[in-house]
Amino acid sequence: MQTLIKYVEKKFIYKKIWPTFSSGDTIKIFSEIREGTKTRVQYFKGVVIQCRGKGTSETFTVRKISDGVGIERIFFVSQPNIKQIEIYKQGKVRQARIYYFSSLKGKKARIKDNIR
């Protein structure tokens, strides 16, 4: 059964190659939105909180603050409406999943830059 699932994933699901990023990085995701017959590109800029999964089921969660309200959004890597991913800053964190970042406010909600 597993080999059949892997065969279908390889054959029919197209996986794009994106730049490598990890939790703590600030990224900008451009996604295409269809409203009726019209299409437009919308971006979502925020901090990566987690990356999980492998292959076509790989996901990452991005968090941003808009008008004082925290917004988290989950993206699939193999999602066909993602057009582009840009990395703005590479952050230095000590954990793979930074859920504690959701409860921080003000200056404490900053992530140190990673100099590579």
Foldseek 3Di string as FASTA:
>chain_A
DVVVVVVCLVPPQDFDDADDAAFQWWKKWWFWDDDPPDIDIDIDIFTWQAWDDDRQATKTKGWDADPNDIDIDIDTRRDPRTDHMGTDFHFDDDDRGPPVLVPDDDPVNDTHTDDD
